[in-house]
Amino acid sequence: FKYINQGFSGNSAVEYEGTGIGIDVGGLLKFNLGDFVSNKSYGDIAFGMTLRDIFNTPISWNTELKTKASIKRSFLISFSYKQPLTFIASSLMFVFSKTNKYDGSSSVGVEYKFRDVIALRIGSYEGETTLGAGIFINQAVFIDYAYNFHELGGIHRVGLSLALAKFF
């Protein structure tokens, strides 16, 4: 499930906000490349697929006309390769994804993770630079920040992930 809240402001006297709840479903196939070539120094390959906004997520706006809109269903595929850098207790991951939304937009990026504690990312989404960082707390909590440069202004995203299995 996801909760969406988007706001727009023309000036200090005008504030509009849209809200909706949507459902995404996805799957991941992951394996170690070293298992296929008998060399354990190789990393993990992963393929993912996600069906987003399965029910064309409805958005309700607080305008005078109480406008209704929807986020159309879309499909996302992704590929990643994560190479362990055991000599410095780190890893380097390369990621590519493509969606059928927005005429087939794609993203590419690199993540450096140090000791499974700190992650630093740089990439490109629809040709615009993206930056990110994250911190792991006790391997059970991950706090994430991402910044996307955009012609209309920067986009900030903050996330919190919990690995529930680590709590039990």
N, C-alpha and C. Protein backbone atom coordinates (compact mmCIF):
# COMPACT_ATOMS: atom_id res chain seq x y z
N PHE A 1 0.84 -1.18 0.00
CA PHE A 1 0.00 0.00 0.00
C PHE A 1 0.88 1.24 0.00
N LYS A 2 0.38 2.30 -0.56
CA LYS A 2 1.09 3.57 -0.49
C LYS A 2 0.09 4.69 -0.34
N TYR A 3 0.53 5.72 0.38
CA TYR A 3 -0.28 6.90 0.60
C TYR A 3 0.36 8.03 -0.18
N ILE A 4 -0.42 8.75 -0.96
CA ILE A 4 0.09 9.83 -1.80
C ILE A 4 -0.55 11.13 -1.35
N ASN A 5 0.29 12.14 -1.16
CA ASN A 5 -0.21 13.48 -0.82
C ASN A 5 0.64 14.46 -1.61
N GLN A 6 0.03 15.19 -2.52
CA GLN A 6 0.73 16.13 -3.39
C GLN A 6 0.11 17.50 -3.24
N GLY A 7 0.91 18.52 -3.06
CA GLY A 7 0.39 19.87 -2.91
C GLY A 7 0.95 20.82 -3.95
N PHE A 8 0.18 21.83 -4.30
CA PHE A 8 0.60 22.88 -5.21
C PHE A 8 0.19 24.22 -4.63
N SER A 9 1.02 25.21 -4.83
CA SER A 9 0.72 26.53 -4.31
C SER A 9 1.01 27.56 -5.38
N GLY A 10 -0.01 28.34 -5.74
CA GLY A 10 0.18 29.41 -6.72
C GLY A 10 0.72 30.65 -6.04
N ASN A 11 0.23 30.94 -4.86
CA ASN A 11 0.72 32.03 -4.02
C ASN A 11 0.28 31.74 -2.60
N SER A 12 0.54 32.66 -1.69
CA SER A 12 0.25 32.38 -0.28
C SER A 12 -1.25 32.23 0.00
N ALA A 13 -2.09 32.74 -0.90
CA ALA A 13 -3.54 32.67 -0.67
C ALA A 13 -4.16 31.41 -1.28
N VAL A 14 -3.43 30.70 -2.14
CA VAL A 14 -3.98 29.53 -2.85
C VAL A 14 -3.15 28.30 -2.52
N GLU A 15 -3.79 27.30 -1.93
CA GLU A 15 -3.15 26.03 -1.62
C GLU A 15 -4.05 24.90 -2.10
N TYR A 16 -3.51 24.02 -2.93
CA TYR A 16 -4.27 22.86 -3.40
C TYR A 16 -3.53 21.61 -2.99
N GLU A 17 -4.31 20.57 -2.67
CA GLU A 17 -3.72 19.32 -2.22
C GLU A 17 -4.53 18.15 -2.75
N GLY A 18 -3.82 17.12 -3.21
CA GLY A 18 -4.46 15.90 -3.68
C GLY A 18 -4.00 14.73 -2.83
N THR A 19 -4.93 13.81 -2.55
CA THR A 19 -4.63 12.67 -1.68
C THR A 19 -5.20 11.40 -2.27
N GLY A 20 -4.46 10.28 -2.10
CA GLY A 20 -4.95 9.00 -2.59
C GLY A 20 -4.19 7.84 -1.96
N ILE A 21 -4.74 6.65 -2.07
CA ILE A 21 -4.10 5.43 -1.58
C ILE A 21 -4.06 4.44 -2.74
N GLY A 22 -2.86 3.87 -2.98
CA GLY A 22 -2.69 2.94 -4.10
C GLY A 22 -2.03 1.65 -3.67
N ILE A 23 -2.03 0.67 -4.57
CA ILE A 23 -1.44 -0.64 -4.30
C ILE A 23 -0.47 -0.98 -5.42
N ASP A 24 0.75 -1.40 -5.03
CA ASP A 24 1.76 -1.91 -5.95
C ASP A 24 2.05 -3.35 -5.57
N VAL A 25 2.41 -4.19 -6.55
CA VAL A 25 2.81 -5.57 -6.30
C VAL A 25 4.05 -5.85 -7.13
N GLY A 26 5.03 -6.51 -6.50
CA GLY A 26 6.26 -6.78 -7.23
C GLY A 26 6.91 -8.07 -6.81
N GLY A 27 7.92 -8.46 -7.58
CA GLY A 27 8.67 -9.66 -7.28
C GLY A 27 10.13 -9.46 -7.63
N LEU A 28 11.00 -10.30 -7.03
CA LEU A 28 12.43 -10.18 -7.22
C LEU A 28 13.04 -11.57 -7.36
N LEU A 29 13.89 -11.73 -8.36
CA LEU A 29 14.66 -12.96 -8.56
C LEU A 29 16.12 -12.58 -8.36
N LYS A 30 16.77 -13.21 -7.36
CA LYS A 30 18.14 -12.85 -7.02
C LYS A 30 18.98 -14.11 -6.92
N PHE A 31 20.19 -14.06 -7.49
CA PHE A 31 21.11 -15.19 -7.39
C PHE A 31 22.55 -14.69 -7.40
N ASN A 32 23.46 -15.54 -6.94
CA ASN A 32 24.87 -15.19 -6.90
C ASN A 32 25.54 -15.63 -8.20
N LEU A 33 26.16 -14.70 -8.89
CA LEU A 33 26.83 -15.01 -10.16
C LEU A 33 27.96 -16.01 -9.95
N GLY A 34 28.62 -15.95 -8.79
CA GLY A 34 29.70 -16.87 -8.50
C GLY A 34 29.30 -18.33 -8.49
N ASP A 35 28.03 -18.62 -8.19
CA ASP A 35 27.54 -19.99 -8.21
C ASP A 35 27.55 -20.58 -9.62
N PHE A 36 27.45 -19.74 -10.63
CA PHE A 36 27.40 -20.22 -12.02
C PHE A 36 28.79 -20.35 -12.63
N VAL A 37 29.76 -19.62 -12.13
CA VAL A 37 31.10 -19.64 -12.72
C VAL A 37 32.14 -20.20 -11.76
N SER A 38 31.70 -20.79 -10.65
CA SER A 38 32.57 -21.41 -9.64
C SER A 38 33.64 -20.45 -9.13
N ASN A 39 33.20 -19.20 -8.86
CA ASN A 39 34.12 -18.21 -8.31
C ASN A 39 33.31 -17.36 -7.34
N LYS A 40 33.51 -17.58 -6.06
CA LYS A 40 32.71 -16.91 -5.03
C LYS A 40 32.99 -15.41 -4.90
N SER A 41 33.98 -14.89 -5.61
CA SER A 41 34.28 -13.46 -5.49
C SER A 41 33.31 -12.59 -6.30
N TYR A 42 32.52 -13.22 -7.17
CA TYR A 42 31.53 -12.46 -7.92
C TYR A 42 30.32 -12.15 -7.02
N GLY A 43 29.58 -11.15 -7.40
CA GLY A 43 28.46 -10.70 -6.58
C GLY A 43 27.11 -11.23 -7.01
N ASP A 44 26.06 -10.53 -6.55
CA ASP A 44 24.67 -10.92 -6.78
C ASP A 44 24.07 -10.17 -7.96
N ILE A 45 23.29 -10.91 -8.74
CA ILE A 45 22.49 -10.33 -9.82
C ILE A 45 21.04 -10.42 -9.40
N ALA A 46 20.28 -9.36 -9.67
CA ALA A 46 18.86 -9.37 -9.33
C ALA A 46 18.04 -8.80 -10.49
N PHE A 47 16.88 -9.41 -10.73
CA PHE A 47 15.90 -8.94 -11.70
C PHE A 47 14.60 -8.70 -10.94
N GLY A 48 13.99 -7.55 -11.16
CA GLY A 48 12.75 -7.24 -10.47
C GLY A 48 11.67 -6.78 -11.41
N MET A 49 10.43 -7.00 -11.01
CA MET A 49 9.27 -6.54 -11.77
C MET A 49 8.24 -6.01 -10.78
N THR A 50 7.63 -4.87 -11.12
CA THR A 50 6.61 -4.29 -10.25
C THR A 50 5.44 -3.81 -11.09
N LEU A 51 4.25 -4.14 -10.65
CA LEU A 51 3.03 -3.60 -11.23
C LEU A 51 2.58 -2.50 -10.27
N ARG A 52 2.61 -1.26 -10.74
CA ARG A 52 2.30 -0.10 -9.90
C ARG A 52 0.87 0.38 -10.13
N ASP A 53 0.28 0.89 -9.07
CA ASP A 53 -1.06 1.47 -9.13
C ASP A 53 -2.04 0.50 -9.81
N ILE A 54 -2.12 -0.68 -9.27
CA ILE A 54 -2.92 -1.77 -9.85
C ILE A 54 -4.34 -1.34 -10.18
N PHE A 55 -4.95 -0.55 -9.30
CA PHE A 55 -6.35 -0.15 -9.51
C PHE A 55 -6.47 1.30 -9.97
N ASN A 56 -5.45 1.78 -10.73
CA ASN A 56 -5.44 3.17 -11.22
C ASN A 56 -5.73 4.12 -10.05
N THR A 57 -4.77 4.23 -9.16
CA THR A 57 -4.89 4.97 -7.89
C THR A 57 -5.67 6.27 -8.02
N PRO A 58 -6.82 6.36 -7.33
CA PRO A 58 -7.62 7.59 -7.39
C PRO A 58 -7.01 8.70 -6.51
N ILE A 59 -7.02 9.91 -7.02
CA ILE A 59 -6.54 11.08 -6.29
C ILE A 59 -7.70 12.07 -6.18
N SER A 60 -7.97 12.53 -4.97
CA SER A 60 -9.02 13.53 -4.73
C SER A 60 -8.35 14.86 -4.39
N TRP A 61 -8.76 15.93 -5.10
CA TRP A 61 -8.19 17.26 -4.89
C TRP A 61 -9.15 18.12 -4.08
N ASN A 62 -8.60 19.04 -3.30
CA ASN A 62 -9.42 19.92 -2.47
C ASN A 62 -9.75 21.24 -3.18
N THR A 63 -9.88 21.20 -4.47
CA THR A 63 -10.24 22.40 -5.23
C THR A 63 -11.74 22.68 -5.05
N GLU A 64 -12.18 23.82 -5.53
CA GLU A 64 -13.60 24.18 -5.43
C GLU A 64 -14.47 23.17 -6.15
N LEU A 65 -13.98 22.59 -7.25
CA LEU A 65 -14.75 21.62 -8.03
C LEU A 65 -14.59 20.19 -7.51
N LYS A 66 -13.77 20.00 -6.45
CA LYS A 66 -13.52 18.66 -5.88
C LYS A 66 -13.08 17.69 -6.98
N THR A 67 -12.12 18.12 -7.76
CA THR A 67 -11.62 17.37 -8.91
C THR A 67 -11.12 15.99 -8.51
N LYS A 68 -11.41 14.99 -9.33
CA LYS A 68 -10.92 13.63 -9.15
C LYS A 68 -9.96 13.32 -10.30
N ALA A 69 -8.91 12.61 -9.99
CA ALA A 69 -7.93 12.20 -11.00
C ALA A 69 -7.48 10.79 -10.64
N SER A 70 -6.63 10.20 -11.47
CA SER A 70 -6.10 8.88 -11.15
C SER A 70 -4.70 8.74 -11.71
N ILE A 71 -3.93 7.90 -11.04
CA ILE A 71 -2.59 7.56 -11.51
C ILE A 71 -2.74 6.22 -12.25
N LYS A 72 -2.45 6.24 -13.53
CA LYS A 72 -2.66 5.06 -14.36
C LYS A 72 -1.71 3.92 -13.99
N ARG A 73 -2.17 2.71 -14.17
CA ARG A 73 -1.40 1.50 -13.93
C ARG A 73 -0.14 1.52 -14.80
N SER A 74 0.98 1.07 -14.23
CA SER A 74 2.22 1.00 -15.00
C SER A 74 3.04 -0.21 -14.56
N PHE A 75 4.06 -0.51 -15.35
CA PHE A 75 4.90 -1.68 -15.14
C PHE A 75 6.35 -1.22 -15.08
N LEU A 76 7.11 -1.76 -14.13
CA LEU A 76 8.51 -1.40 -13.96
C LEU A 76 9.36 -2.66 -13.97
N ILE A 77 10.45 -2.65 -14.72
CA ILE A 77 11.42 -3.74 -14.67
C ILE A 77 12.75 -3.16 -14.22
N SER A 78 13.54 -3.97 -13.53
CA SER A 78 14.82 -3.49 -13.05
C SER A 78 15.86 -4.61 -13.04
N PHE A 79 17.11 -4.18 -13.05
CA PHE A 79 18.25 -5.09 -13.04
C PHE A 79 19.31 -4.48 -12.14
N SER A 80 19.99 -5.31 -11.34
CA SER A 80 21.09 -4.80 -10.53
C SER A 80 22.19 -5.85 -10.42
N TYR A 81 23.39 -5.34 -10.19
CA TYR A 81 24.54 -6.19 -9.91
C TYR A 81 25.25 -5.60 -8.70
N LYS A 82 25.40 -6.39 -7.64
CA LYS A 82 26.04 -5.94 -6.40
C LYS A 82 27.34 -6.70 -6.21
N GLN A 83 28.47 -5.96 -6.28
CA GLN A 83 29.79 -6.56 -6.13
C GLN A 83 30.33 -6.30 -4.73
N PRO A 84 30.60 -7.37 -3.97
CA PRO A 84 31.20 -7.16 -2.66
C PRO A 84 32.65 -6.69 -2.81
N LEU A 85 33.05 -5.77 -1.97
CA LEU A 85 34.44 -5.29 -1.91
C LEU A 85 34.97 -5.67 -0.53
N THR A 86 35.24 -6.96 -0.35
CA THR A 86 35.57 -7.50 0.96
C THR A 86 36.84 -6.89 1.55
N PHE A 87 37.77 -6.46 0.72
CA PHE A 87 39.03 -5.91 1.22
C PHE A 87 38.84 -4.56 1.93
N ILE A 88 37.68 -3.90 1.75
CA ILE A 88 37.38 -2.67 2.48
C ILE A 88 35.99 -2.75 3.15
N ALA A 89 35.51 -3.96 3.36
CA ALA A 89 34.24 -4.22 4.06
C ALA A 89 33.10 -3.39 3.46
N SER A 90 33.01 -3.37 2.14
CA SER A 90 32.03 -2.54 1.44
C SER A 90 31.43 -3.31 0.27
N SER A 91 30.52 -2.63 -0.44
CA SER A 91 29.97 -3.19 -1.68
C SER A 91 29.64 -2.04 -2.62
N LEU A 92 29.58 -2.38 -3.90
CA LEU A 92 29.24 -1.43 -4.95
C LEU A 92 28.12 -2.05 -5.77
N MET A 93 27.01 -1.33 -5.94
CA MET A 93 25.88 -1.87 -6.68
C MET A 93 25.52 -0.96 -7.85
N PHE A 94 25.32 -1.57 -9.02
CA PHE A 94 24.90 -0.88 -10.22
C PHE A 94 23.44 -1.25 -10.48
N VAL A 95 22.61 -0.26 -10.79
CA VAL A 95 21.17 -0.50 -10.95
C VAL A 95 20.66 0.17 -12.23
N PHE A 96 19.75 -0.52 -12.93
CA PHE A 96 19.07 0.04 -14.10
C PHE A 96 17.59 -0.32 -13.99
N SER A 97 16.71 0.63 -14.28
CA SER A 97 15.28 0.33 -14.31
C SER A 97 14.61 1.09 -15.44
N LYS A 98 13.50 0.53 -15.90
CA LYS A 98 12.74 1.13 -17.00
C LYS A 98 11.25 0.88 -16.75
N THR A 99 10.45 1.90 -17.07
CA THR A 99 9.01 1.79 -16.88
C THR A 99 8.29 2.13 -18.18
N ASN A 100 7.06 1.68 -18.31
CA ASN A 100 6.27 2.05 -19.48
C ASN A 100 5.55 3.37 -19.27
N LYS A 101 5.70 3.96 -18.07
CA LYS A 101 5.09 5.24 -17.75
C LYS A 101 5.93 6.37 -18.35
N TYR A 102 5.29 7.47 -18.70
CA TYR A 102 6.00 8.64 -19.24
C TYR A 102 6.84 8.28 -20.47
N ASP A 103 6.28 7.57 -21.39
CA ASP A 103 6.97 7.18 -22.63
C ASP A 103 8.24 6.38 -22.39
N GLY A 104 8.24 5.55 -21.39
CA GLY A 104 9.36 4.64 -21.16
C GLY A 104 10.55 5.26 -20.46
N SER A 105 10.33 6.01 -19.40
CA SER A 105 11.44 6.63 -18.69
C SER A 105 12.32 5.55 -18.04
N SER A 106 13.58 5.90 -17.85
CA SER A 106 14.51 4.96 -17.25
C SER A 106 15.40 5.66 -16.23
N SER A 107 16.03 4.85 -15.40
CA SER A 107 16.97 5.38 -14.42
C SER A 107 18.16 4.45 -14.32
N VAL A 108 19.28 5.03 -13.95
CA VAL A 108 20.51 4.27 -13.77
C VAL A 108 21.24 4.87 -12.58
N GLY A 109 21.94 4.03 -11.81
CA GLY A 109 22.62 4.56 -10.66
C GLY A 109 23.65 3.62 -10.08
N VAL A 110 24.41 4.16 -9.13
CA VAL A 110 25.45 3.41 -8.44
C VAL A 110 25.30 3.69 -6.94
N GLU A 111 25.41 2.64 -6.13
CA GLU A 111 25.37 2.80 -4.68
C GLU A 111 26.64 2.19 -4.07
N TYR A 112 27.27 2.95 -3.21
CA TYR A 112 28.41 2.47 -2.44
C TYR A 112 27.94 2.29 -1.00
N LYS A 113 28.13 1.09 -0.45
CA LYS A 113 27.71 0.81 0.92
C LYS A 113 28.93 0.40 1.74
N PHE A 114 29.14 1.09 2.87
CA PHE A 114 30.28 0.83 3.73
C PHE A 114 29.82 0.09 4.99
N ARG A 115 30.36 -1.11 5.19
CA ARG A 115 30.11 -1.94 6.38
C ARG A 115 28.62 -2.14 6.70
N ASP A 116 27.79 -2.11 5.71
CA ASP A 116 26.34 -2.25 5.92
C ASP A 116 25.82 -1.26 6.95
N VAL A 117 26.44 -0.06 6.99
CA VAL A 117 26.03 0.98 7.92
C VAL A 117 25.63 2.25 7.18
N ILE A 118 26.43 2.65 6.19
CA ILE A 118 26.18 3.89 5.45
C ILE A 118 26.12 3.57 3.96
N ALA A 119 25.15 4.18 3.27
CA ALA A 119 25.02 4.01 1.81
C ALA A 119 25.04 5.39 1.16
N LEU A 120 25.79 5.52 0.06
CA LEU A 120 25.84 6.75 -0.73
C LEU A 120 25.47 6.41 -2.16
N ARG A 121 24.63 7.24 -2.79
CA ARG A 121 24.15 6.94 -4.13
C ARG A 121 24.26 8.15 -5.06
N ILE A 122 24.47 7.86 -6.34
CA ILE A 122 24.39 8.88 -7.39
C ILE A 122 23.80 8.19 -8.61
N GLY A 123 22.99 8.94 -9.36
CA GLY A 123 22.37 8.34 -10.53
C GLY A 123 21.72 9.37 -11.42
N SER A 124 20.88 8.86 -12.29
CA SER A 124 20.16 9.70 -13.24
C SER A 124 18.75 9.15 -13.40
N TYR A 125 17.76 10.04 -13.31
CA TYR A 125 16.37 9.67 -13.53
C TYR A 125 15.82 10.61 -14.60
N GLU A 126 15.42 10.06 -15.73
CA GLU A 126 14.92 10.85 -16.86
C GLU A 126 15.91 11.95 -17.24
N GLY A 127 17.21 11.64 -17.17
CA GLY A 127 18.24 12.58 -17.57
C GLY A 127 18.62 13.60 -16.50
N GLU A 128 17.96 13.58 -15.35
CA GLU A 128 18.27 14.52 -14.27
C GLU A 128 19.08 13.79 -13.19
N THR A 129 20.05 14.48 -12.61
CA THR A 129 20.92 13.90 -11.58
C THR A 129 20.14 13.62 -10.29
N THR A 130 20.44 12.49 -9.68
CA THR A 130 19.87 12.14 -8.38
C THR A 130 21.01 11.83 -7.41
N LEU A 131 20.79 12.17 -6.15
CA LEU A 131 21.77 11.89 -5.10
C LEU A 131 21.03 11.28 -3.92
N GLY A 132 21.72 10.45 -3.15
CA GLY A 132 21.06 9.87 -2.00
C GLY A 132 22.04 9.38 -0.96
N ALA A 133 21.54 9.19 0.24
CA ALA A 133 22.33 8.64 1.34
C ALA A 133 21.40 7.92 2.29
N GLY A 134 21.94 6.94 2.98
CA GLY A 134 21.14 6.20 3.95
C GLY A 134 22.00 5.71 5.08
N ILE A 135 21.35 5.42 6.19
CA ILE A 135 22.05 4.88 7.35
C ILE A 135 21.24 3.72 7.92
N PHE A 136 21.97 2.64 8.26
CA PHE A 136 21.35 1.46 8.85
C PHE A 136 21.57 1.50 10.35
N ILE A 137 20.53 1.19 11.12
CA ILE A 137 20.62 1.16 12.57
C ILE A 137 20.31 -0.27 13.02
N ASN A 138 21.29 -0.94 13.60
CA ASN A 138 21.14 -2.32 14.10
C ASN A 138 20.64 -3.30 13.04
N GLN A 139 20.92 -3.07 11.79
CA GLN A 139 20.50 -3.95 10.69
C GLN A 139 18.99 -4.15 10.60
N ALA A 140 18.22 -3.40 11.38
CA ALA A 140 16.77 -3.57 11.37
C ALA A 140 16.04 -2.32 10.90
N VAL A 141 16.69 -1.17 10.98
CA VAL A 141 16.07 0.10 10.61
C VAL A 141 16.97 0.79 9.58
N PHE A 142 16.36 1.28 8.50
CA PHE A 142 17.11 1.99 7.47
C PHE A 142 16.43 3.33 7.23
N ILE A 143 17.18 4.42 7.43
CA ILE A 143 16.68 5.76 7.16
C ILE A 143 17.32 6.23 5.87
N ASP A 144 16.50 6.71 4.94
CA ASP A 144 16.96 7.01 3.59
C ASP A 144 16.58 8.43 3.18
N TYR A 145 17.48 9.09 2.47
CA TYR A 145 17.21 10.42 1.91
C TYR A 145 17.64 10.42 0.45
N ALA A 146 16.82 11.03 -0.40
CA ALA A 146 17.16 11.16 -1.82
C ALA A 146 16.81 12.55 -2.31
N TYR A 147 17.62 13.05 -3.23
CA TYR A 147 17.38 14.37 -3.83
C TYR A 147 17.43 14.20 -5.34
N ASN A 148 16.42 14.76 -6.02
CA ASN A 148 16.35 14.69 -7.47
C ASN A 148 16.31 16.10 -8.02
N PHE A 149 17.30 16.46 -8.82
CA PHE A 149 17.29 17.76 -9.48
C PHE A 149 16.18 17.77 -10.51
N HIS A 150 15.43 18.86 -10.62
CA HIS A 150 14.34 18.96 -11.57
C HIS A 150 14.19 20.41 -12.00
N GLU A 151 13.74 20.62 -13.24
CA GLU A 151 13.61 21.99 -13.77
C GLU A 151 12.61 22.83 -12.99
N LEU A 152 11.64 22.21 -12.33
CA LEU A 152 10.65 22.94 -11.55
C LEU A 152 11.08 23.12 -10.09
N GLY A 153 12.21 22.56 -9.74
CA GLY A 153 12.70 22.63 -8.36
C GLY A 153 13.10 21.26 -7.86
N GLY A 154 13.94 21.24 -6.85
CA GLY A 154 14.42 19.97 -6.32
C GLY A 154 13.33 19.16 -5.64
N ILE A 155 13.47 17.84 -5.72
CA ILE A 155 12.53 16.93 -5.09
C ILE A 155 13.27 16.20 -3.97
N HIS A 156 12.76 16.30 -2.76
CA HIS A 156 13.33 15.63 -1.59
C HIS A 156 12.45 14.44 -1.23
N ARG A 157 13.09 13.32 -0.92
CA ARG A 157 12.35 12.14 -0.47
C ARG A 157 13.04 11.57 0.76
N VAL A 158 12.25 11.25 1.75
CA VAL A 158 12.77 10.66 2.98
C VAL A 158 12.02 9.36 3.21
N GLY A 159 12.75 8.33 3.57
CA GLY A 159 12.11 7.04 3.78
C GLY A 159 12.59 6.36 5.05
N LEU A 160 11.78 5.48 5.56
CA LEU A 160 12.10 4.67 6.72
C LEU A 160 11.68 3.24 6.40
N SER A 161 12.63 2.31 6.49
CA SER A 161 12.34 0.90 6.25
C SER A 161 12.66 0.09 7.49
N LEU A 162 11.81 -0.88 7.76
CA LEU A 162 12.00 -1.76 8.91
C LEU A 162 12.12 -3.19 8.43
N ALA A 163 13.14 -3.89 8.88
CA ALA A 163 13.29 -5.32 8.60
C ALA A 163 12.65 -6.06 9.78
N LEU A 164 11.37 -6.38 9.64
CA LEU A 164 10.61 -6.94 10.76
C LEU A 164 11.20 -8.24 11.28
N ALA A 165 11.81 -9.03 10.41
CA ALA A 165 12.41 -10.31 10.83
C ALA A 165 13.53 -10.09 11.84
N LYS A 166 14.19 -8.94 11.81
CA LYS A 166 15.28 -8.66 12.75
C LYS A 166 14.77 -8.34 14.15
N PHE A 167 13.49 -8.00 14.27
CA PHE A 167 12.91 -7.68 15.57
C PHE A 167 12.43 -8.93 16.32
N PHE A 168 12.25 -10.03 15.60
CA PHE A 168 11.67 -11.23 16.20
C PHE A 168 12.65 -12.38 16.23
